[in-house]
């Protein structure tokens, strides 16, 4: 998941940079891409809304938070496209970075737990 999140972060950063610079871009294609990303995030969010298995409640909450932050970042870029408010771009990138950081932390915790558990099964 973190590789996908990293790719999404890179996409949003690059898009925000190009928009801030005024680079001519195919805006209809961008709108379509952003809608596709939002739909995917909505589907993922819906999957994580179900109750978490015992012991995974905190991870579920962090996943929901990260997905919401990515969604908000996409909406912020959409708002910039519609209104031209430059602050929306910086806010969007910050939210996407925070979402990526949360997902990286989740992956780290899961990996640490796997290693910890493997010590007991190997011993």
PDB file of N, CA and C in Angstrom:
ATOM      1  N   UNK A   1       0.829  -1.206   0.000  1.00  0.00           N
ATOM      2  CA  UNK A   1       0.000   0.000   0.000  1.00  0.00           C
ATOM      3  C   UNK A   1       0.864   1.257   0.000  1.00  0.00           C
ATOM      4  N   UNK A   2       2.018   1.185   0.689  1.00  0.00           N
ATOM      5  CA  UNK A   2       2.813   2.407   0.775  1.00  0.00           C
ATOM      6  C   UNK A   2       3.438   2.776  -0.567  1.00  0.00           C
ATOM      7  N   UNK A   3       3.699   1.782  -1.418  1.00  0.00           N
ATOM      8  CA  UNK A   3       4.229   2.117  -2.743  1.00  0.00           C
ATOM      9  C   UNK A   3       3.182   2.870  -3.556  1.00  0.00           C
ATOM     10  N   UNK A   4       1.941   2.420  -3.476  1.00  0.00           N
ATOM     11  CA  UNK A   4       0.846   3.099  -4.155  1.00  0.00           C
ATOM     12  C   UNK A   4       0.666   4.499  -3.572  1.00  0.00           C
ATOM     13  N   UNK A   5       0.733   4.609  -2.257  1.00  0.00           N
ATOM     14  CA  UNK A   5       0.599   5.911  -1.595  1.00  0.00           C
ATOM     15  C   UNK A   5       1.724   6.837  -2.017  1.00  0.00           C
ATOM     16  N   UNK A   6       2.920   6.301  -2.105  1.00  0.00           N
ATOM     17  CA  UNK A   6       4.066   7.104  -2.530  1.00  0.00           C
ATOM     18  C   UNK A   6       3.877   7.589  -3.968  1.00  0.00           C
ATOM     19  N   UNK A   7       3.349   6.707  -4.822  1.00  0.00           N
ATOM     20  CA  UNK A   7       3.063   7.103  -6.207  1.00  0.00           C
ATOM     21  C   UNK A   7       1.996   8.188  -6.257  1.00  0.00           C
ATOM     22  N   UNK A   8       0.971   8.052  -5.412  1.00  0.00           N
ATOM     23  CA  UNK A   8      -0.084   9.064  -5.366  1.00  0.00           C
ATOM     24  C   UNK A   8       0.479  10.381  -4.859  1.00  0.00           C
ATOM     25  N   UNK A   9       1.311  10.327  -3.840  1.00  0.00           N
ATOM     26  CA  UNK A   9       1.945  11.530  -3.321  1.00  0.00           C
ATOM     27  C   UNK A   9       2.776  12.205  -4.413  1.00  0.00           C
ATOM     28  N   UNK A  10       3.554  11.434  -5.136  1.00  0.00           N
ATOM     29  CA  UNK A  10       4.376  11.986  -6.219  1.00  0.00           C
ATOM     30  C   UNK A  10       3.500  12.622  -7.296  1.00  0.00           C
ATOM     31  N   UNK A  11       2.423  11.940  -7.665  1.00  0.00           N
ATOM     32  CA  UNK A  11       1.491  12.473  -8.660  1.00  0.00           C
ATOM     33  C   UNK A  11       0.917  13.812  -8.212  1.00  0.00           C
ATOM     34  N   UNK A  12       0.443  13.858  -6.966  1.00  0.00           N
ATOM     35  CA  UNK A  12      -0.168  15.093  -6.460  1.00  0.00           C
ATOM     36  C   UNK A  12       0.857  16.220  -6.336  1.00  0.00           C
ATOM     37  N   UNK A  13       2.053  15.887  -5.871  1.00  0.00           N
ATOM     38  CA  UNK A  13       3.119  16.902  -5.783  1.00  0.00           C
ATOM     39  C   UNK A  13       3.447  17.474  -7.163  1.00  0.00           C
ATOM     40  N   UNK A  14       3.665  16.579  -8.122  1.00  0.00           N
ATOM     41  CA  UNK A  14       4.015  17.025  -9.477  1.00  0.00           C
ATOM     42  C   UNK A  14       2.903  17.850 -10.099  1.00  0.00           C
ATOM     43  N   UNK A  15       1.668  17.399  -9.919  1.00  0.00           N
ATOM     44  CA  UNK A  15       0.529  18.140 -10.452  1.00  0.00           C
ATOM     45  C   UNK A  15       0.452  19.524  -9.813  1.00  0.00           C
ATOM     46  N   UNK A  16       0.601  19.586  -8.496  1.00  0.00           N
ATOM     47  CA  UNK A  16       0.560  20.877  -7.801  1.00  0.00           C
ATOM     48  C   UNK A  16       1.681  21.791  -8.289  1.00  0.00           C
ATOM     49  N   UNK A  17       2.877  21.233  -8.494  1.00  0.00           N
ATOM     50  CA  UNK A  17       3.995  22.042  -9.006  1.00  0.00           C
ATOM     51  C   UNK A  17       3.680  22.610 -10.379  1.00  0.00           C
ATOM     52  N   UNK A  18       3.168  21.761 -11.262  1.00  0.00           N
ATOM     53  CA  UNK A  18       2.838  22.228 -12.621  1.00  0.00           C
ATOM     54  C   UNK A  18       1.723  23.267 -12.600  1.00  0.00           C
ATOM     55  N   UNK A  19       0.730  23.048 -11.768  1.00  0.00           N
ATOM     56  CA  UNK A  19      -0.359  24.022 -11.669  1.00  0.00           C
ATOM     57  C   UNK A  19       0.150  25.349 -11.120  1.00  0.00           C
ATOM     58  N   UNK A  20       1.003  25.294 -10.123  1.00  0.00           N
ATOM     59  CA  UNK A  20       1.539  26.524  -9.520  1.00  0.00           C
ATOM     60  C   UNK A  20       2.385  27.301 -10.526  1.00  0.00           C
ATOM     61  N   UNK A  21       3.082  26.579 -11.383  1.00  0.00           N
ATOM     62  CA  UNK A  21       3.922  27.233 -12.394  1.00  0.00           C
ATOM     63  C   UNK A  21       3.124  27.728 -13.586  1.00  0.00           C
ATOM     64  N   UNK A  22       1.875  27.317 -13.677  1.00  0.00           N
ATOM     65  CA  UNK A  22       1.048  27.728 -14.808  1.00  0.00           C
ATOM     66  C   UNK A  22       1.326  26.926 -16.066  1.00  0.00           C
ATOM     67  N   UNK A  23       1.897  25.747 -15.900  1.00  0.00           N
ATOM     68  CA  UNK A  23       2.178  24.877 -17.034  1.00  0.00           C
ATOM     69  C   UNK A  23       0.871  24.546 -17.744  1.00  0.00           C
ATOM     70  N   UNK A  24       0.826  24.714 -19.066  1.00  0.00           N
ATOM     71  CA  UNK A  24      -0.393  24.324 -19.794  1.00  0.00           C
ATOM     72  C   UNK A  24      -0.611  22.812 -19.659  1.00  0.00           C
ATOM     73  N   UNK A  25      -1.785  22.457 -19.173  1.00  0.00           N
ATOM     74  CA  UNK A  25      -2.118  21.049 -18.936  1.00  0.00           C
ATOM     75  C   UNK A  25      -3.497  20.744 -19.513  1.00  0.00           C
ATOM     76  N   UNK A  26      -3.712  19.494 -19.901  1.00  0.00           N
ATOM     77  CA  UNK A  26      -5.047  19.095 -20.383  1.00  0.00           C
ATOM     78  C   UNK A  26      -6.014  19.000 -19.200  1.00  0.00           C
ATOM     79  N   UNK A  27      -6.715  20.079 -18.901  1.00  0.00           N
ATOM     80  CA  UNK A  27      -7.500  20.172 -17.668  1.00  0.00           C
ATOM     81  C   UNK A  27      -8.617  19.138 -17.580  1.00  0.00           C
ATOM     82  N   UNK A  28      -9.238  18.804 -18.694  1.00  0.00           N
ATOM     83  CA  UNK A  28     -10.298  17.796 -18.640  1.00  0.00           C
ATOM     84  C   UNK A  28      -9.718  16.439 -18.255  1.00  0.00           C
ATOM     85  N   UNK A  29      -8.549  16.121 -18.767  1.00  0.00           N
ATOM     86  CA  UNK A  29      -7.877  14.871 -18.427  1.00  0.00           C
ATOM     87  C   UNK A  29      -7.489  14.858 -16.939  1.00  0.00           C
ATOM     88  N   UNK A  30      -7.042  16.003 -16.447  1.00  0.00           N
ATOM     89  CA  UNK A  30      -6.691  16.117 -15.029  1.00  0.00           C
ATOM     90  C   UNK A  30      -7.922  15.926 -14.164  1.00  0.00           C
ATOM     91  N   UNK A  31      -9.017  16.571 -14.528  1.00  0.00           N
ATOM     92  CA  UNK A  31     -10.261  16.401 -13.761  1.00  0.00           C
ATOM     93  C   UNK A  31     -10.681  14.931 -13.728  1.00  0.00           C
ATOM     94  N   UNK A  32     -10.582  14.266 -14.882  1.00  0.00           N
ATOM     95  CA  UNK A  32     -10.946  12.849 -14.951  1.00  0.00           C
ATOM     96  C   UNK A  32     -10.030  12.008 -14.063  1.00  0.00           C
ATOM     97  N   UNK A  33      -8.742  12.300 -14.088  1.00  0.00           N
ATOM     98  CA  UNK A  33      -7.789  11.562 -13.257  1.00  0.00           C
ATOM     99  C   UNK A  33      -8.080  11.777 -11.779  1.00  0.00           C
ATOM    100  N   UNK A  34      -8.347  13.005 -11.399  1.00  0.00           N
ATOM    101  CA  UNK A  34      -8.645  13.302 -10.001  1.00  0.00           C
ATOM    102  C   UNK A  34      -9.933  12.612  -9.554  1.00  0.00           C
ATOM    103  N   UNK A  35     -10.932  12.571 -10.431  1.00  0.00           N
ATOM    104  CA  UNK A  35     -12.175  11.863 -10.104  1.00  0.00           C
ATOM    105  C   UNK A  35     -11.924  10.368  -9.930  1.00  0.00           C
ATOM    106  N   UNK A  36     -11.085   9.803 -10.775  1.00  0.00           N
ATOM    107  CA  UNK A  36     -10.740   8.388 -10.664  1.00  0.00           C
ATOM    108  C   UNK A  36     -10.040   8.108  -9.329  1.00  0.00           C
ATOM    109  N   UNK A  37      -9.118   8.981  -8.962  1.00  0.00           N
ATOM    110  CA  UNK A  37      -8.413   8.827  -7.685  1.00  0.00           C
ATOM    111  C   UNK A  37      -9.406   8.917  -6.533  1.00  0.00           C
ATOM    112  N   UNK A  38     -10.299   9.889  -6.577  1.00  0.00           N
ATOM    113  CA  UNK A  38     -11.290  10.031  -5.508  1.00  0.00           C
ATOM    114  C   UNK A  38     -12.183   8.807  -5.405  1.00  0.00           C
ATOM    115  N   UNK A  39     -12.607   8.276  -6.528  1.00  0.00           N
ATOM    116  CA  UNK A  39     -13.455   7.080  -6.512  1.00  0.00           C
ATOM    117  C   UNK A  39     -12.710   5.902  -5.896  1.00  0.00           C
ATOM    118  N   UNK A  40     -11.453   5.741  -6.242  1.00  0.00           N
ATOM    119  CA  UNK A  40     -10.647   4.659  -5.677  1.00  0.00           C
ATOM    120  C   UNK A  40     -10.498   4.839  -4.169  1.00  0.00           C
ATOM    121  N   UNK A  41     -10.222   6.063  -3.741  1.00  0.00           N
ATOM    122  CA  UNK A  41     -10.086   6.334  -2.309  1.00  0.00           C
ATOM    123  C   UNK A  41     -11.394   6.074  -1.577  1.00  0.00           C
ATOM    124  N   UNK A  42     -12.519   6.424  -2.187  1.00  0.00           N
ATOM    125  CA  UNK A  42     -13.828   6.167  -1.579  1.00  0.00           C
ATOM    126  C   UNK A  42     -14.053   4.667  -1.402  1.00  0.00           C
ATOM    127  N   UNK A  43     -13.674   3.883  -2.401  1.00  0.00           N
ATOM    128  CA  UNK A  43     -13.832   2.427  -2.312  1.00  0.00           C
ATOM    129  C   UNK A  43     -12.957   1.850  -1.201  1.00  0.00           C
ATOM    130  N   UNK A  44     -11.722   2.305  -1.131  1.00  0.00           N
ATOM    131  CA  UNK A  44     -10.828   1.836  -0.075  1.00  0.00           C
ATOM    132  C   UNK A  44     -11.366   2.228   1.299  1.00  0.00           C
ATOM    133  N   UNK A  45     -11.826   3.459   1.406  1.00  0.00           N
ATOM    134  CA  UNK A  45     -12.376   3.934   2.676  1.00  0.00           C
ATOM    135  C   UNK A  45     -13.546   3.050   3.101  1.00  0.00           C
ATOM    136  N   UNK A  46     -14.427   2.722   2.167  1.00  0.00           N
ATOM    137  CA  UNK A  46     -15.586   1.883   2.467  1.00  0.00           C
ATOM    138  C   UNK A  46     -15.143   0.508   2.974  1.00  0.00           C
ATOM    139  N   UNK A  47     -14.071  -0.028   2.415  1.00  0.00           N
ATOM    140  CA  UNK A  47     -13.565  -1.328   2.863  1.00  0.00           C
ATOM    141  C   UNK A  47     -13.073  -1.269   4.310  1.00  0.00           C
ATOM    142  N   UNK A  48     -12.470  -0.151   4.690  1.00  0.00           N
ATOM    143  CA  UNK A  48     -11.926  -0.019   6.037  1.00  0.00           C
ATOM    144  C   UNK A  48     -12.963   0.456   7.049  1.00  0.00           C
ATOM    145  N   UNK A  49     -14.142   0.838   6.592  1.00  0.00           N
ATOM    146  CA  UNK A  49     -15.189   1.256   7.529  1.00  0.00           C
ATOM    147  C   UNK A  49     -15.754   0.082   8.323  1.00  0.00           C
ATOM    148  N   UNK A  50     -15.636  -1.111   7.775  1.00  0.00           N
ATOM    149  CA  UNK A  50     -16.114  -2.299   8.485  1.00  0.00           C
ATOM    150  C   UNK A  50     -15.326  -2.449   9.783  1.00  0.00           C
ATOM    151  N   UNK A  51     -15.936  -3.059  10.778  1.00  0.00           N
ATOM    152  CA  UNK A  51     -15.205  -3.249  12.033  1.00  0.00           C
ATOM    153  C   UNK A  51     -13.893  -4.008  11.807  1.00  0.00           C
ATOM    154  N   UNK A  52     -12.881  -3.590  12.513  1.00  0.00           N
ATOM    155  CA  UNK A  52     -11.559  -4.209  12.387  1.00  0.00           C
ATOM    156  C   UNK A  52     -11.503  -5.486  13.208  1.00  0.00           C
ATOM    157  N   UNK A  53     -10.644  -6.411  12.790  1.00  0.00           N
ATOM    158  CA  UNK A  53     -10.428  -7.601  13.631  1.00  0.00           C
ATOM    159  C   UNK A  53      -9.884  -7.166  14.996  1.00  0.00           C
ATOM    160  N   UNK A  54     -10.086  -7.983  15.977  1.00  0.00           N
ATOM    161  CA  UNK A  54      -9.609  -7.674  17.329  1.00  0.00           C
ATOM    162  C   UNK A  54      -8.115  -7.370  17.295  1.00  0.00           C
ATOM    163  N   UNK A  55      -7.760  -6.271  17.914  1.00  0.00           N
ATOM    164  CA  UNK A  55      -6.366  -5.864  17.981  1.00  0.00           C
ATOM    165  C   UNK A  55      -5.921  -4.962  16.836  1.00  0.00           C
ATOM    166  N   UNK A  56      -6.749  -4.821  15.811  1.00  0.00           N
ATOM    167  CA  UNK A  56      -6.365  -4.011  14.656  1.00  0.00           C
ATOM    168  C   UNK A  56      -7.162  -2.708  14.571  1.00  0.00           C
ATOM    169  N   UNK A  57      -7.864  -2.379  15.631  1.00  0.00           N
ATOM    170  CA  UNK A  57      -8.714  -1.184  15.610  1.00  0.00           C
ATOM    171  C   UNK A  57      -7.916   0.102  15.376  1.00  0.00           C
ATOM    172  N   UNK A  58      -6.747   0.201  15.989  1.00  0.00           N
ATOM    173  CA  UNK A  58      -5.932   1.413  15.852  1.00  0.00           C
ATOM    174  C   UNK A  58      -5.427   1.541  14.420  1.00  0.00           C
ATOM    175  N   UNK A  59      -4.997   0.427  13.852  1.00  0.00           N
ATOM    176  CA  UNK A  59      -4.524   0.458  12.464  1.00  0.00           C
ATOM    177  C   UNK A  59      -5.659   0.880  11.543  1.00  0.00           C
ATOM    178  N   UNK A  60      -6.852   0.365  11.782  1.00  0.00           N
ATOM    179  CA  UNK A  60      -8.023   0.743  10.987  1.00  0.00           C
ATOM    180  C   UNK A  60      -8.257   2.245  11.056  1.00  0.00           C
ATOM    181  N   UNK A  61      -8.200   2.798  12.250  1.00  0.00           N
ATOM    182  CA  UNK A  61      -8.430   4.238  12.411  1.00  0.00           C
ATOM    183  C   UNK A  61      -7.380   5.062  11.665  1.00  0.00           C
ATOM    184  N   UNK A  62      -6.131   4.631  11.738  1.00  0.00           N
ATOM    185  CA  UNK A  62      -5.075   5.347  11.024  1.00  0.00           C
ATOM    186  C   UNK A  62      -5.242   5.214   9.508  1.00  0.00           C
ATOM    187  N   UNK A  63      -5.670   4.045   9.050  1.00  0.00           N
ATOM    188  CA  UNK A  63      -5.926   3.864   7.616  1.00  0.00           C
ATOM    189  C   UNK A  63      -7.024   4.818   7.150  1.00  0.00           C
ATOM    190  N   UNK A  64      -8.096   4.886   7.924  1.00  0.00           N
ATOM    191  CA  UNK A  64      -9.193   5.788   7.568  1.00  0.00           C
ATOM    192  C   UNK A  64      -8.713   7.238   7.539  1.00  0.00           C
ATOM    193  N   UNK A  65      -7.898   7.607   8.509  1.00  0.00           N
ATOM    194  CA  UNK A  65      -7.374   8.977   8.550  1.00  0.00           C
ATOM    195  C   UNK A  65      -6.506   9.264   7.327  1.00  0.00           C
ATOM    196  N   UNK A  66      -5.630   8.326   6.977  1.00  0.00           N
ATOM    197  CA  UNK A  66      -4.747   8.521   5.819  1.00  0.00           C
ATOM    198  C   UNK A  66      -5.552   8.624   4.529  1.00  0.00           C
ATOM    199  N   UNK A  67      -6.531   7.753   4.372  1.00  0.00           N
ATOM    200  CA  UNK A  67      -7.361   7.803   3.164  1.00  0.00           C
ATOM    201  C   UNK A  67      -8.132   9.115   3.080  1.00  0.00           C
ATOM    202  N   UNK A  68      -8.637   9.588   4.228  1.00  0.00           N
ATOM    203  CA  UNK A  68      -9.360  10.865   4.236  1.00  0.00           C
ATOM    204  C   UNK A  68      -8.430  12.018   3.878  1.00  0.00           C
ATOM    205  N   UNK A  69      -7.214  11.987   4.387  1.00  0.00           N
ATOM    206  CA  UNK A  69      -6.253  13.046   4.059  1.00  0.00           C
ATOM    207  C   UNK A  69      -5.926  13.058   2.567  1.00  0.00           C
ATOM    208  N   UNK A  70      -5.726  11.885   1.981  1.00  0.00           N
ATOM    209  CA  UNK A  70      -5.486  11.830   0.538  1.00  0.00           C
ATOM    210  C   UNK A  70      -6.694  12.370  -0.227  1.00  0.00           C
ATOM    211  N   UNK A  71      -7.888  11.993   0.211  1.00  0.00           N
ATOM    212  CA  UNK A  71      -9.112  12.468  -0.436  1.00  0.00           C
ATOM    213  C   UNK A  71      -9.203  13.997  -0.344  1.00  0.00           C
ATOM    214  N   UNK A  72      -8.934  14.523   0.839  1.00  0.00           N
ATOM    215  CA  UNK A  72      -8.964  15.975   1.031  1.00  0.00           C
ATOM    216  C   UNK A  72      -7.915  16.667   0.161  1.00  0.00           C
ATOM    217  N   UNK A  73      -6.766  16.029  -0.013  1.00  0.00           N
ATOM    218  CA  UNK A  73      -5.711  16.600  -0.858  1.00  0.00           C
ATOM    219  C   UNK A  73      -6.186  16.698  -2.303  1.00  0.00           C
ATOM    220  N   UNK A  74      -6.833  15.651  -2.779  1.00  0.00           N
ATOM    221  CA  UNK A  74      -7.354  15.659  -4.150  1.00  0.00           C
ATOM    222  C   UNK A  74      -8.421  16.738  -4.300  1.00  0.00           C
ATOM    223  N   UNK A  75      -9.303  16.829  -3.322  1.00  0.00           N
ATOM    224  CA  UNK A  75     -10.342  17.864  -3.377  1.00  0.00           C
ATOM    225  C   UNK A  75      -9.736  19.268  -3.353  1.00  0.00           C
ATOM    226  N   UNK A  76      -8.646  19.439  -2.614  1.00  0.00           N
ATOM    227  CA  UNK A  76      -7.981  20.740  -2.581  1.00  0.00           C
ATOM    228  C   UNK A  76      -7.415  21.123  -3.942  1.00  0.00           C
ATOM    229  N   UNK A  77      -6.857  20.150  -4.641  1.00  0.00           N
ATOM    230  CA  UNK A  77      -6.337  20.433  -5.981  1.00  0.00           C
ATOM    231  C   UNK A  77      -7.487  20.734  -6.926  1.00  0.00           C
ATOM    232  N   UNK A  78      -8.578  19.998  -6.786  1.00  0.00           N
ATOM    233  CA  UNK A  78      -9.767  20.302  -7.599  1.00  0.00           C
ATOM    234  C   UNK A  78     -10.253  21.730  -7.322  1.00  0.00           C
ATOM    235  N   UNK A  79     -10.251  22.113  -6.057  1.00  0.00           N
ATOM    236  CA  UNK A  79     -10.680  23.464  -5.695  1.00  0.00           C
ATOM    237  C   UNK A  79      -9.765  24.505  -6.325  1.00  0.00           C
ATOM    238  N   UNK A  80      -8.464  24.224  -6.343  1.00  0.00           N
ATOM    239  CA  UNK A  80      -7.538  25.151  -6.994  1.00  0.00           C
ATOM    240  C   UNK A  80      -7.871  25.274  -8.475  1.00  0.00           C
ATOM    241  N   UNK A  81      -8.125  24.155  -9.131  1.00  0.00           N
ATOM    242  CA  UNK A  81      -8.432  24.177 -10.563  1.00  0.00           C
ATOM    243  C   UNK A  81      -9.663  25.039 -10.818  1.00  0.00           C
ATOM    244  N   UNK A  82     -10.638  24.982  -9.915  1.00  0.00           N
ATOM    245  CA  UNK A  82     -11.877  25.741 -10.093  1.00  0.00           C
ATOM    246  C   UNK A  82     -11.746  27.208  -9.682  1.00  0.00           C
ATOM    247  N   UNK A  83     -10.976  27.478  -8.613  1.00  0.00           N
ATOM    248  CA  UNK A  83     -10.955  28.834  -8.057  1.00  0.00           C
ATOM    249  C   UNK A  83      -9.646  29.581  -8.266  1.00  0.00           C
ATOM    250  N   UNK A  84      -8.559  28.846  -8.470  1.00  0.00           N
ATOM    251  CA  UNK A  84      -7.255  29.489  -8.621  1.00  0.00           C
ATOM    252  C   UNK A  84      -6.621  29.900  -7.301  1.00  0.00           C
ATOM    253  N   UNK A  85      -7.178  29.461  -6.170  1.00  0.00           N
ATOM    254  CA  UNK A  85      -6.623  29.800  -4.854  1.00  0.00           C
ATOM    255  C   UNK A  85      -5.337  29.009  -4.628  1.00  0.00           C
ATOM    256  N   UNK A  86      -4.205  29.693  -4.712  1.00  0.00           N
ATOM    257  CA  UNK A  86      -2.905  29.039  -4.640  1.00  0.00           C
ATOM    258  C   UNK A  86      -2.657  28.332  -3.304  1.00  0.00           C
ATOM    259  N   UNK A  87      -3.235  28.850  -2.227  1.00  0.00           N
ATOM    260  CA  UNK A  87      -3.053  28.213  -0.913  1.00  0.00           C
ATOM    261  C   UNK A  87      -3.552  26.771  -0.920  1.00  0.00           C
ATOM    262  N   UNK A  88      -4.536  26.494  -1.752  1.00  0.00           N
ATOM    263  CA  UNK A  88      -5.107  25.144  -1.813  1.00  0.00           C
ATOM    264  C   UNK A  88      -4.069  24.123  -2.255  1.00  0.00           C
ATOM    265  N   UNK A  89      -3.149  24.533  -3.139  1.00  0.00           N
ATOM    266  CA  UNK A  89      -2.115  23.607  -3.614  1.00  0.00           C
ATOM    267  C   UNK A  89      -1.175  23.198  -2.491  1.00  0.00           C
ATOM    268  N   UNK A  90      -0.686  24.163  -1.751  1.00  0.00           N
ATOM    269  CA  UNK A  90       0.240  23.853  -0.651  1.00  0.00           C
ATOM    270  C   UNK A  90      -0.449  23.010   0.417  1.00  0.00           C
ATOM    271  N   UNK A  91      -1.686  23.358   0.755  1.00  0.00           N
ATOM    272  CA  UNK A  91      -2.442  22.581   1.740  1.00  0.00           C
ATOM    273  C   UNK A  91      -2.629  21.148   1.262  1.00  0.00           C
ATOM    274  N   UNK A  92      -2.908  20.991  -0.008  1.00  0.00           N
ATOM    275  CA  UNK A  92      -3.135  19.661  -0.570  1.00  0.00           C
ATOM    276  C   UNK A  92      -1.883  18.800  -0.493  1.00  0.00           C
ATOM    277  N   UNK A  93      -0.746  19.378  -0.824  1.00  0.00           N
ATOM    278  CA  UNK A  93       0.505  18.627  -0.767  1.00  0.00           C
ATOM    279  C   UNK A  93       0.825  18.245   0.677  1.00  0.00           C
ATOM    280  N   UNK A  94       0.599  19.160   1.603  1.00  0.00           N
ATOM    281  CA  UNK A  94       0.846  18.849   3.020  1.00  0.00           C
ATOM    282  C   UNK A  94      -0.042  17.700   3.504  1.00  0.00           C
ATOM    283  N   UNK A  95      -1.299  17.709   3.097  1.00  0.00           N
ATOM    284  CA  UNK A  95      -2.211  16.631   3.502  1.00  0.00           C
ATOM    285  C   UNK A  95      -1.776  15.299   2.886  1.00  0.00           C
ATOM    286  N   UNK A  96      -1.366  15.332   1.626  1.00  0.00           N
ATOM    287  CA  UNK A  96      -0.907  14.102   0.975  1.00  0.00           C
ATOM    288  C   UNK A  96       0.364  13.579   1.642  1.00  0.00           C
ATOM    289  N   UNK A  97       1.260  14.477   2.019  1.00  0.00           N
ATOM    290  CA  UNK A  97       2.479  14.064   2.717  1.00  0.00           C
ATOM    291  C   UNK A  97       2.146  13.446   4.069  1.00  0.00           C
ATOM    292  N   UNK A  98       1.209  14.042   4.777  1.00  0.00           N
ATOM    293  CA  UNK A  98       0.805  13.503   6.078  1.00  0.00           C
ATOM    294  C   UNK A  98       0.175  12.119   5.908  1.00  0.00           C
ATOM    295  N   UNK A  99      -0.663  11.970   4.902  1.00  0.00           N
ATOM    296  CA  UNK A  99      -1.277  10.668   4.634  1.00  0.00           C
ATOM    297  C   UNK A  99      -0.214   9.623   4.335  1.00  0.00           C
ATOM    298  N   UNK A 100       0.750   9.981   3.523  1.00  0.00           N
ATOM    299  CA  UNK A 100       1.833   9.055   3.187  1.00  0.00           C
ATOM    300  C   UNK A 100       2.639   8.685   4.429  1.00  0.00           C
ATOM    301  N   UNK A 101       2.900   9.661   5.284  1.00  0.00           N
ATOM    302  CA  UNK A 101       3.634   9.390   6.534  1.00  0.00           C
ATOM    303  C   UNK A 101       2.860   8.414   7.428  1.00  0.00           C
ATOM    304  N   UNK A 102       1.565   8.597   7.517  1.00  0.00           N
ATOM    305  CA  UNK A 102       0.737   7.696   8.332  1.00  0.00           C
ATOM    306  C   UNK A 102       0.816   6.276   7.782  1.00  0.00           C
ATOM    307  N   UNK A 103       0.689   6.142   6.473  1.00  0.00           N
ATOM    308  CA  UNK A 103       0.743   4.805   5.875  1.00  0.00           C
ATOM    309  C   UNK A 103       2.112   4.168   6.049  1.00  0.00           C
ATOM    310  N   UNK A 104       3.162   4.970   5.962  1.00  0.00           N
ATOM    311  CA  UNK A 104       4.510   4.434   6.195  1.00  0.00           C
ATOM    312  C   UNK A 104       4.660   3.961   7.635  1.00  0.00           C
ATOM    313  N   UNK A 105       4.095   4.706   8.567  1.00  0.00           N
ATOM    314  CA  UNK A 105       4.148   4.313   9.976  1.00  0.00           C
ATOM    315  C   UNK A 105       3.381   3.024  10.215  1.00  0.00           C
ATOM    316  N   UNK A 106       2.233   2.887   9.578  1.00  0.00           N
ATOM    317  CA  UNK A 106       1.446   1.668   9.717  1.00  0.00           C
ATOM    318  C   UNK A 106       2.251   0.479   9.197  1.00  0.00           C
ATOM    319  N   UNK A 107       2.856   0.644   8.044  1.00  0.00           N
ATOM    320  CA  UNK A 107       3.651  -0.441   7.466  1.00  0.00           C
ATOM    321  C   UNK A 107       4.811  -0.818   8.390  1.00  0.00           C
ATOM    322  N   UNK A 108       5.449   0.173   8.980  1.00  0.00           N
ATOM    323  CA  UNK A 108       6.559  -0.082   9.894  1.00  0.00           C
ATOM    324  C   UNK A 108       6.083  -0.883  11.117  1.00  0.00           C
ATOM    325  N   UNK A 109       4.983  -0.478  11.704  1.00  0.00           N
ATOM    326  CA  UNK A 109       4.457  -1.164  12.883  1.00  0.00           C
ATOM    327  C   UNK A 109       4.088  -2.607  12.547  1.00  0.00           C
ATOM    328  N   UNK A 110       3.457  -2.799  11.416  1.00  0.00           N
ATOM    329  CA  UNK A 110       3.083  -4.158  11.009  1.00  0.00           C
ATOM    330  C   UNK A 110       4.328  -5.016  10.813  1.00  0.00           C
ATOM    331  N   UNK A 111       5.333  -4.467  10.158  1.00  0.00           N
ATOM    332  CA  UNK A 111       6.578  -5.209   9.938  1.00  0.00           C
ATOM    333  C   UNK A 111       7.256  -5.541  11.267  1.00  0.00           C
ATOM    334  N   UNK A 112       7.273  -4.606  12.189  1.00  0.00           N
ATOM    335  CA  UNK A 112       7.867  -4.855  13.504  1.00  0.00           C
ATOM    336  C   UNK A 112       7.119  -5.958  14.242  1.00  0.00           C
ATOM    337  N   UNK A 113       5.799  -5.926  14.158  1.00  0.00           N
ATOM    338  CA  UNK A 113       4.995  -6.965  14.816  1.00  0.00           C
ATOM    339  C   UNK A 113       5.239  -8.333  14.197  1.00  0.00           C
ATOM    340  N   UNK A 114       5.389  -8.378  12.883  1.00  0.00           N
ATOM    341  CA  UNK A 114       5.696  -9.654  12.215  1.00  0.00           C
ATOM    342  C   UNK A 114       7.027 -10.205  12.714  1.00  0.00           C
ATOM    343  N   UNK A 115       8.014  -9.347  12.811  1.00  0.00           N
ATOM    344  CA  UNK A 115       9.323  -9.789  13.281  1.00  0.00           C
ATOM    345  C   UNK A 115       9.255 -10.262  14.731  1.00  0.00           C
ATOM    346  N   UNK A 116       8.523  -9.528  15.540  1.00  0.00           N
ATOM    347  CA  UNK A 116       8.367  -9.882  16.942  1.00  0.00           C
ATOM    348  C   UNK A 116       7.676 -11.239  17.064  1.00  0.00           C
ATOM    349  N   UNK A 117       6.615 -11.450  16.304  1.00  0.00           N
ATOM    350  CA  UNK A 117       5.886 -12.713  16.358  1.00  0.00           C
ATOM    351  C   UNK A 117       6.722 -13.868  15.818  1.00  0.00           C
ATOM    352  N   UNK A 118       7.529 -13.597  14.810  1.00  0.00           N
ATOM    353  CA  UNK A 118       8.348 -14.675  14.235  1.00  0.00           C
ATOM    354  C   UNK A 118       9.384 -15.168  15.237  1.00  0.00           C
ATOM    355  N   UNK A 119       9.803 -14.328  16.168  1.00  0.00           N
ATOM    356  CA  UNK A 119      10.747 -14.753  17.197  1.00  0.00           C
ATOM    357  C   UNK A 119      10.137 -15.834  18.080  1.00  0.00           C
ATOM    358  N   UNK A 120       8.832 -15.700  18.336  1.00  0.00           N
ATOM    359  CA  UNK A 120       8.156 -16.681  19.179  1.00  0.00           C
ATOM    360  C   UNK A 120       7.883 -17.979  18.436  1.00  0.00           C
ATOM    361  N   UNK A 121       7.579 -17.881  17.161  1.00  0.00           N
ATOM    362  CA  UNK A 121       7.292 -19.111  16.412  1.00  0.00           C
ATOM    363  C   UNK A 121       8.568 -19.858  16.040  1.00  0.00           C
ATOM    364  N   UNK A 122       9.686 -19.148  15.917  1.00  0.00           N
ATOM    365  CA  UNK A 122      10.964 -19.801  15.589  1.00  0.00           C
ATOM    366  C   UNK A 122      11.634 -20.385  16.827  1.00  0.00           C
ATOM    367  N   UNK A 123      11.326 -19.810  17.984  1.00  0.00           N
ATOM    368  CA  UNK A 123      12.003 -20.197  19.221  1.00  0.00           C
ATOM    369  C   UNK A 123      11.396 -21.390  19.823  1.00  0.00           C
TER     370      UNK A 123
END
